[in-house]
C-alpha atoms as a PDB file:
ATOM      1  CA  UNK A   1      60.512 154.572  90.320  1.00  0.00           C
ATOM      2  CA  UNK A   2      61.818 154.443  86.428  1.00  0.00           C
ATOM      3  CA  UNK A   3      63.138 151.488  84.386  1.00  0.00           C
ATOM      4  CA  UNK A   4      66.648 152.367  84.638  1.00  0.00           C
ATOM      5  CA  UNK A   5      66.586 152.700  88.718  1.00  0.00           C
ATOM      6  CA  UNK A   6      64.544 149.237  88.466  1.00  0.00           C
ATOM      7  CA  UNK A   7      67.651 147.606  86.305  1.00  0.00           C
ATOM      8  CA  UNK A   8      70.186 149.250  88.659  1.00  0.00           C
ATOM      9  CA  UNK A   9      68.263 147.758  92.038  1.00  0.00           C
ATOM     10  CA  UNK A  10      68.005 144.421  90.238  1.00  0.00           C
ATOM     11  CA  UNK A  11      71.516 144.518  89.554  1.00  0.00           C
ATOM     12  CA  UNK A  12      72.537 144.848  93.263  1.00  0.00           C
ATOM     13  CA  UNK A  13      69.427 142.132  93.970  1.00  0.00           C
ATOM     14  CA  UNK A  14      71.345 139.546  91.921  1.00  0.00           C
ATOM     15  CA  UNK A  15      74.925 140.104  93.935  1.00  0.00           C
ATOM     16  CA  UNK A  16      74.197 137.702  96.896  1.00  0.00           C
ATOM     17  CA  UNK A  17      72.313 135.367  94.514  1.00  0.00           C
ATOM     18  CA  UNK A  18      75.596 135.405  92.293  1.00  0.00           C
ATOM     19  CA  UNK A  19      77.545 134.822  95.603  1.00  0.00           C
ATOM     20  CA  UNK A  20      75.187 131.966  97.167  1.00  0.00           C
ATOM     21  CA  UNK A  21      75.808 129.996  93.884  1.00  0.00           C
ATOM     22  CA  UNK A  22      79.541 130.574  93.708  1.00  0.00           C
ATOM     23  CA  UNK A  23      79.855 128.815  97.101  1.00  0.00           C
ATOM     24  CA  UNK A  24      76.836 126.718  97.039  1.00  0.00           C
ATOM     25  CA  UNK A  25      78.392 123.137  96.077  1.00  0.00           C
ATOM     26  CA  UNK A  26      75.358 121.838  93.796  1.00  0.00           C
ATOM     27  CA  UNK A  27      75.490 120.843  90.121  1.00  0.00           C
ATOM     28  CA  UNK A  28      76.434 123.448  87.774  1.00  0.00           C
ATOM     29  CA  UNK A  29      76.380 125.898  90.626  1.00  0.00           C
ATOM     30  CA  UNK A  30      79.283 127.539  88.564  1.00  0.00           C
ATOM     31  CA  UNK A  31      76.575 127.968  85.570  1.00  0.00           C
ATOM     32  CA  UNK A  32      73.916 129.384  87.373  1.00  0.00           C
ATOM     33  CA  UNK A  33      76.469 131.807  88.771  1.00  0.00           C
ATOM     34  CA  UNK A  34      77.759 132.580  85.397  1.00  0.00           C
ATOM     35  CA  UNK A  35      74.309 133.198  84.362  1.00  0.00           C
ATOM     36  CA  UNK A  36      73.613 135.475  87.527  1.00  0.00           C
ATOM     37  CA  UNK A  37      76.679 137.567  86.635  1.00  0.00           C
ATOM     38  CA  UNK A  38      76.101 137.942  82.960  1.00  0.00           C
ATOM     39  CA  UNK A  39      72.280 139.426  83.653  1.00  0.00           C
ATOM     40  CA  UNK A  40      73.548 141.640  85.913  1.00  0.00           C
ATOM     41  CA  UNK A  41      76.022 142.530  83.718  1.00  0.00           C
ATOM     42  CA  UNK A  42      73.450 143.251  81.182  1.00  0.00           C
ATOM     43  CA  UNK A  43      71.289 145.484  83.105  1.00  0.00           C
ATOM     44  CA  UNK A  44      74.631 147.354  83.837  1.00  0.00           C
ATOM     45  CA  UNK A  45      74.481 148.313  79.891  1.00  0.00           C
ATOM     46  CA  UNK A  46      70.895 148.661  79.754  1.00  0.00           C
ATOM     47  CA  UNK A  47      70.426 151.310  82.528  1.00  0.00           C
ATOM     48  CA  UNK A  48      72.256 153.895  81.152  1.00  0.00           C
ATOM     49  CA  UNK A  49      71.687 153.516  77.721  1.00  0.00           C
ATOM     50  CA  UNK A  50      67.841 154.053  78.738  1.00  0.00           C
ATOM     51  CA  UNK A  51      67.869 156.753  81.349  1.00  0.00           C
ATOM     52  CA  UNK A  52      70.121 158.826  78.637  1.00  0.00           C
ATOM     53  CA  UNK A  53      67.699 158.017  75.691  1.00  0.00           C
ATOM     54  CA  UNK A  54      64.317 158.438  77.611  1.00  0.00           C
ATOM     55  CA  UNK A  55      65.910 161.499  79.491  1.00  0.00           C
ATOM     56  CA  UNK A  56      65.415 159.375  82.731  1.00  0.00           C
ATOM     57  CA  UNK A  57      68.455 160.165  84.526  1.00  0.00           C
ATOM     58  CA  UNK A  58      67.983 160.884  88.256  1.00  0.00           C
ATOM     59  CA  UNK A  59      70.208 161.321  91.226  1.00  0.00           C
ATOM     60  CA  UNK A  60      69.314 158.005  92.356  1.00  0.00           C
ATOM     61  CA  UNK A  61      70.687 156.260  89.405  1.00  0.00           C
ATOM     62  CA  UNK A  62      73.702 158.541  89.408  1.00  0.00           C
ATOM     63  CA  UNK A  63      74.457 157.165  93.022  1.00  0.00           C
ATOM     64  CA  UNK A  64      73.297 153.399  92.454  1.00  0.00           C
ATOM     65  CA  UNK A  65      74.527 152.782  89.118  1.00  0.00           C
ATOM     66  CA  UNK A  66      78.230 152.979  89.785  1.00  0.00           C
ATOM     67  CA  UNK A  67      78.189 151.495  93.313  1.00  0.00           C
ATOM     68  CA  UNK A  68      76.211 148.803  91.913  1.00  0.00           C
ATOM     69  CA  UNK A  69      78.779 147.940  89.222  1.00  0.00           C
ATOM     70  CA  UNK A  70      81.712 148.313  91.735  1.00  0.00           C
ATOM     71  CA  UNK A  71      80.330 145.562  94.425  1.00  0.00           C
ATOM     72  CA  UNK A  72      79.532 143.413  91.562  1.00  0.00           C
ATOM     73  CA  UNK A  73      82.991 143.264  90.091  1.00  0.00           C
ATOM     74  CA  UNK A  74      84.569 143.412  93.535  1.00  0.00           C
ATOM     75  CA  UNK A  75      82.106 140.627  94.854  1.00  0.00           C
ATOM     76  CA  UNK A  76      83.778 138.426  91.610  1.00  0.00           C
ATOM     77  CA  UNK A  77      87.037 139.141  92.171  1.00  0.00           C
ATOM     78  CA  UNK A  78      87.248 138.370  95.926  1.00  0.00           C
ATOM     79  CA  UNK A  79      85.325 134.663  95.330  1.00  0.00           C
ATOM     80  CA  UNK A  80      88.474 134.171  92.573  1.00  0.00           C
ATOM     81  CA  UNK A  81      91.161 134.991  94.817  1.00  0.00           C
ATOM     82  CA  UNK A  82      89.324 132.056  97.019  1.00  0.00           C
ATOM     83  CA  UNK A  83      89.293 129.623  94.026  1.00  0.00           C
ATOM     84  CA  UNK A  84      93.055 127.691  93.355  1.00  0.00           C
ATOM     85  CA  UNK A  85      91.998 127.359  89.460  1.00  0.00           C
ATOM     86  CA  UNK A  86      91.696 130.961  89.238  1.00  0.00           C
ATOM     87  CA  UNK A  87      94.765 132.755  90.109  1.00  0.00           C
ATOM     88  CA  UNK A  88      93.890 136.224  90.511  1.00  0.00           C
ATOM     89  CA  UNK A  89      95.438 136.830  94.375  1.00  0.00           C
ATOM     90  CA  UNK A  90      94.980 139.653  96.285  1.00  0.00           C
ATOM     91  CA  UNK A  91      97.047 142.427  94.685  1.00  0.00           C
ATOM     92  CA  UNK A  92      94.703 142.896  91.739  1.00  0.00           C
ATOM     93  CA  UNK A  93      91.815 143.170  94.127  1.00  0.00           C
ATOM     94  CA  UNK A  94      93.437 145.342  96.184  1.00  0.00           C
ATOM     95  CA  UNK A  95      94.491 147.764  93.399  1.00  0.00           C
ATOM     96  CA  UNK A  96      91.145 147.845  92.217  1.00  0.00           C
ATOM     97  CA  UNK A  97      89.490 148.214  95.028  1.00  0.00           C
ATOM     98  CA  UNK A  98      91.827 151.424  95.996  1.00  0.00           C
ATOM     99  CA  UNK A  99      90.856 152.819  92.409  1.00  0.00           C
ATOM    100  CA  UNK A 100      87.408 152.346  93.164  1.00  0.00           C
ATOM    101  CA  UNK A 101      87.698 154.113  96.638  1.00  0.00           C
ATOM    102  CA  UNK A 102      89.601 156.855  95.231  1.00  0.00           C
ATOM    103  CA  UNK A 103      87.031 157.414  92.555  1.00  0.00           C
ATOM    104  CA  UNK A 104      84.019 157.598  95.049  1.00  0.00           C
ATOM    105  CA  UNK A 105      86.081 159.967  97.385  1.00  0.00           C
ATOM    106  CA  UNK A 106      86.877 162.079  94.121  1.00  0.00           C
ATOM    107  CA  UNK A 107      82.705 161.799  93.393  1.00  0.00           C
ATOM    108  CA  UNK A 108      82.082 163.064  96.572  1.00  0.00           C
ATOM    109  CA  UNK A 109      84.490 165.870  96.595  1.00  0.00           C
ATOM    110  CA  UNK A 110      83.133 166.897  93.119  1.00  0.00           C
ATOM    111  CA  UNK A 111      79.618 166.728  94.533  1.00  0.00           C
ATOM    112  CA  UNK A 112      80.605 169.305  97.154  1.00  0.00           C
ATOM    113  CA  UNK A 113      81.936 171.507  94.534  1.00  0.00           C
ATOM    114  CA  UNK A 114      78.768 171.204  92.283  1.00  0.00           C
ATOM    115  CA  UNK A 115      80.697 169.292  89.947  1.00  0.00           C
ATOM    116  CA  UNK A 116      79.055 165.971  88.475  1.00  0.00           C
ATOM    117  CA  UNK A 117      81.822 163.082  87.793  1.00  0.00           C
ATOM    118  CA  UNK A 118      80.295 161.273  84.473  1.00  0.00           C
ATOM    119  CA  UNK A 119      82.327 158.096  83.457  1.00  0.00           C
ATOM    120  CA  UNK A 120      84.350 158.656  81.041  1.00  0.00           C
ATOM    121  CA  UNK A 121      85.549 155.878  78.245  1.00  0.00           C
ATOM    122  CA  UNK A 122      88.644 154.694  80.120  1.00  0.00           C
ATOM    123  CA  UNK A 123      85.904 153.793  83.111  1.00  0.00           C
ATOM    124  CA  UNK A 124      83.409 152.295  80.719  1.00  0.00           C
ATOM    125  CA  UNK A 125      86.055 150.459  78.894  1.00  0.00           C
ATOM    126  CA  UNK A 126      87.508 149.276  82.321  1.00  0.00           C
ATOM    127  CA  UNK A 127      84.092 148.291  83.699  1.00  0.00           C
ATOM    128  CA  UNK A 128      83.368 146.176  80.218  1.00  0.00           C
ATOM    129  CA  UNK A 129      86.596 144.738  80.009  1.00  0.00           C
ATOM    130  CA  UNK A 130      86.259 143.481  83.648  1.00  0.00           C
ATOM    131  CA  UNK A 131      82.763 142.064  83.409  1.00  0.00           C
ATOM    132  CA  UNK A 132      84.270 139.727  80.309  1.00  0.00           C
ATOM    133  CA  UNK A 133      87.454 138.644  82.048  1.00  0.00           C
ATOM    134  CA  UNK A 134      84.823 137.547  84.703  1.00  0.00           C
ATOM    135  CA  UNK A 135      82.444 136.113  82.391  1.00  0.00           C
ATOM    136  CA  UNK A 136      85.287 134.336  80.517  1.00  0.00           C
ATOM    137  CA  UNK A 137      87.120 132.967  84.164  1.00  0.00           C
ATOM    138  CA  UNK A 138      83.180 131.600  84.852  1.00  0.00           C
ATOM    139  CA  UNK A 139      82.813 130.041  81.702  1.00  0.00           C
ATOM    140  CA  UNK A 140      86.047 128.102  82.121  1.00  0.00           C
ATOM    141  CA  UNK A 141      85.363 127.210  85.756  1.00  0.00           C
ATOM    142  CA  UNK A 142      81.775 125.929  84.502  1.00  0.00           C
ATOM    143  CA  UNK A 143      83.463 123.704  81.485  1.00  0.00           C
ATOM    144  CA  UNK A 144      85.845 122.304  83.831  1.00  0.00           C
ATOM    145  CA  UNK A 145      84.185 121.828  87.107  1.00  0.00           C
ATOM    146  CA  UNK A 146      80.389 121.769  86.184  1.00  0.00           C
ATOM    147  CA  UNK A 147      80.565 119.607  83.229  1.00  0.00           C
ATOM    148  CA  UNK A 148      83.893 117.975  83.702  1.00  0.00           C
ATOM    149  CA  UNK A 149      85.437 118.416  80.033  1.00  0.00           C
ATOM    150  CA  UNK A 150      88.464 116.720  79.547  1.00  0.00           C
ATOM    151  CA  UNK A 151      90.651 119.482  78.008  1.00  0.00           C
ATOM    152  CA  UNK A 152      94.124 118.560  77.332  1.00  0.00           C
ATOM    153  CA  UNK A 153      96.505 118.983  80.339  1.00  0.00           C
ATOM    154  CA  UNK A 154      98.782 122.188  78.331  1.00  0.00           C
ATOM    155  CA  UNK A 155      95.595 123.875  77.271  1.00  0.00           C
ATOM    156  CA  UNK A 156      94.117 123.548  81.065  1.00  0.00           C
ATOM    157  CA  UNK A 157      97.957 125.065  82.194  1.00  0.00           C
ATOM    158  CA  UNK A 158      97.933 127.719  79.789  1.00  0.00           C
ATOM    159  CA  UNK A 159      93.957 129.083  80.980  1.00  0.00           C
ATOM    160  CA  UNK A 160      94.860 128.387  84.430  1.00  0.00           C
ATOM    161  CA  UNK A 161      98.177 130.255  84.596  1.00  0.00           C
ATOM    162  CA  UNK A 162      98.310 132.444  81.894  1.00  0.00           C
ATOM    163  CA  UNK A 163      95.227 133.298  79.963  1.00  0.00           C
ATOM    164  CA  UNK A 164      92.619 134.110  82.883  1.00  0.00           C
ATOM    165  CA  UNK A 165      95.747 135.956  84.950  1.00  0.00           C
ATOM    166  CA  UNK A 166      96.724 137.838  82.055  1.00  0.00           C
ATOM    167  CA  UNK A 167      92.759 139.217  81.819  1.00  0.00           C
ATOM    168  CA  UNK A 168      92.938 139.971  85.366  1.00  0.00           C
ATOM    169  CA  UNK A 169      95.917 141.716  85.036  1.00  0.00           C
ATOM    170  CA  UNK A 170      94.691 143.914  81.742  1.00  0.00           C
ATOM    171  CA  UNK A 171      91.603 144.754  83.779  1.00  0.00           C
ATOM    172  CA  UNK A 172      94.274 145.846  86.486  1.00  0.00           C
ATOM    173  CA  UNK A 173      96.140 147.846  84.368  1.00  0.00           C
ATOM    174  CA  UNK A 174      92.861 149.598  82.887  1.00  0.00           C
ATOM    175  CA  UNK A 175      91.528 150.494  86.385  1.00  0.00           C
ATOM    176  CA  UNK A 176      95.036 152.115  86.767  1.00  0.00           C
ATOM    177  CA  UNK A 177      94.497 153.799  83.776  1.00  0.00           C
ATOM    178  CA  UNK A 178      91.136 155.086  84.206  1.00  0.00           C
ATOM    179  CA  UNK A 179      91.758 156.132  87.904  1.00  0.00           C
ATOM    180  CA  UNK A 180      94.851 158.100  86.629  1.00  0.00           C
ATOM    181  CA  UNK A 181      92.489 160.023  84.385  1.00  0.00           C
ATOM    182  CA  UNK A 182      90.213 160.667  86.930  1.00  0.00           C
ATOM    183  CA  UNK A 183      92.430 161.910  89.753  1.00  0.00           C
ATOM    184  CA  UNK A 184      94.444 164.010  86.646  1.00  0.00           C
ATOM    185  CA  UNK A 185      90.776 165.408  85.806  1.00  0.00           C
ATOM    186  CA  UNK A 186      89.913 166.314  89.193  1.00  0.00           C
ATOM    187  CA  UNK A 187      92.929 166.846  90.982  1.00  0.00           C
ATOM    188  CA  UNK A 188      92.236 170.889  91.420  1.00  0.00           C
ATOM    189  CA  UNK A 189      89.048 169.542  93.930  1.00  0.00           C
ATOM    190  CA  UNK A 190      92.042 168.161  96.520  1.00  0.00           C
ATOM    191  CA  UNK A 191      93.367 171.112  98.500  1.00  0.00           C
ATOM    192  CA  UNK A 192      95.292 170.205 100.909  1.00  0.00           C
ATOM    193  CA  UNK A 193      94.683 173.124 103.031  1.00  0.00           C
ATOM    194  CA  UNK A 194      91.301 172.475 103.562  1.00  0.00           C
END
């Protein structure tokens, strides 16, 4: 197994540990979850770059890399729905999940037609922005709950009720845009008569 695939597997392996530390009520658990999520995000940036530069692209990597990204991001957003300080709500999670299912379906249709659906710039932007948003939310949770920083009420209110939700909704809009671009580009593969 080559290095990029090992990095992708590492990302998959880190997801349950991220979830465990999000729920485990021990000192600095949000900070630990943040470090795990950041490490997993870094493997996402590294594995594709290494695979392309060293000509190590494999079918295994093409399959597992986007799947690992989706599961990592959806796991974080699902946990955020349960955390009152992070005002995510179910709607962004549903929209992002629906887009991921749609793109995965398009990839399957494309594969059956012998077409490889490469990640486009909008998909990469969506993934990067969403991961940065999740890291920002984890930093905020760690600062407030792990370390108990006493921020002014107006600042806490702004971050909890405006800044983090706005970042999540921007991620959601980027998700919609990238999904629409994939759908438009591969619409010809969807044949209602077949």
